[in-house]
Amino acid sequence: MSEKEINAYRLTSLEEPTDEMLAYIMREVAEETNQKYDEALKRYFNEINEMYQQKYGNK
């Protein structure tokens, strides 16, 4: 299945997606979710580190 076919498909379409389409969509969502999780985790620990540095400085 081509990327053009995948991009043209909409979940609101009246036709059911193929297993291949669903697998592709789910893989894309999983990749994006993992990337966003990694970014959020980095931001979280950076904020914790900044708060620690503000309170205790470099010891």
Protein backbone atom coordinates (compact mmCIF):
# COMPACT_ATOMS: atom_id res chain seq x y z
CA MET A 1 0.00 0.00 0.00
CA SER A 2 1.40 3.35 -0.98
CA GLU A 3 1.78 6.30 1.34
CA LYS A 4 -0.54 8.25 -0.97
CA GLU A 5 -3.31 5.67 -0.39
CA ILE A 6 -2.77 5.77 3.36
CA ASN A 7 -2.84 9.58 3.43
CA ALA A 8 -6.02 9.63 1.33
CA TYR A 9 -7.88 7.33 3.71
CA ARG A 10 -9.94 8.93 6.46
CA LEU A 11 -11.38 7.07 9.43
CA THR A 12 -14.66 8.86 8.78
CA SER A 13 -14.83 7.18 5.40
CA LEU A 14 -17.74 4.83 4.78
CA GLU A 15 -15.38 2.08 3.69
CA GLU A 16 -13.70 -0.10 6.29
CA PRO A 17 -9.91 0.17 6.51
CA THR A 18 -7.88 -2.85 5.54
CA ASP A 19 -5.75 -4.64 8.10
CA GLU A 20 -2.71 -3.17 6.36
CA MET A 21 -4.12 0.35 6.71
CA LEU A 22 -4.92 -0.14 10.37
CA ALA A 23 -1.47 -1.56 11.07
CA TYR A 24 0.16 1.41 9.33
CA ILE A 25 -2.00 3.95 11.18
CA MET A 26 -1.37 2.27 14.53
CA ARG A 27 2.40 2.15 13.89
CA GLU A 28 2.44 5.86 13.02
CA VAL A 29 0.48 6.73 16.16
CA ALA A 30 2.77 4.60 18.31
CA GLU A 31 5.88 6.27 16.89
CA GLU A 32 4.46 9.74 17.47
CA THR A 33 3.34 8.83 20.98
CA ASN A 34 6.76 7.46 21.89
CA GLN A 35 8.45 10.60 20.57
CA LYS A 36 6.13 12.87 22.54
CA TYR A 37 6.62 10.76 25.68
CA ASP A 38 10.41 11.00 25.37
CA GLU A 39 10.22 14.77 24.91
CA ALA A 40 7.90 15.17 27.90
CA LEU A 41 10.16 13.00 30.07
CA LYS A 42 13.19 15.11 29.15
CA ARG A 43 11.30 18.33 29.94
CA TYR A 44 10.13 16.87 33.26
CA PHE A 45 13.61 15.92 34.43
CA ASN A 46 15.06 19.21 33.19
CA GLU A 47 12.49 21.08 35.28
CA ILE A 48 13.24 18.90 38.33
CA ASN A 49 16.95 19.56 37.85
CA GLU A 50 16.38 23.32 37.51
CA MET A 51 14.28 23.37 40.68
CA TYR A 52 16.96 21.44 42.54
CA GLN A 53 19.69 23.79 41.30
CA GLN A 54 17.66 26.82 42.37
CA LYS A 55 17.11 25.43 45.85
CA TYR A 56 20.46 23.78 46.53
CA GLY A 57 22.83 25.17 43.91
CA ASN A 58 25.83 23.25 42.62
CA LYS A 59 27.07 21.10 45.49
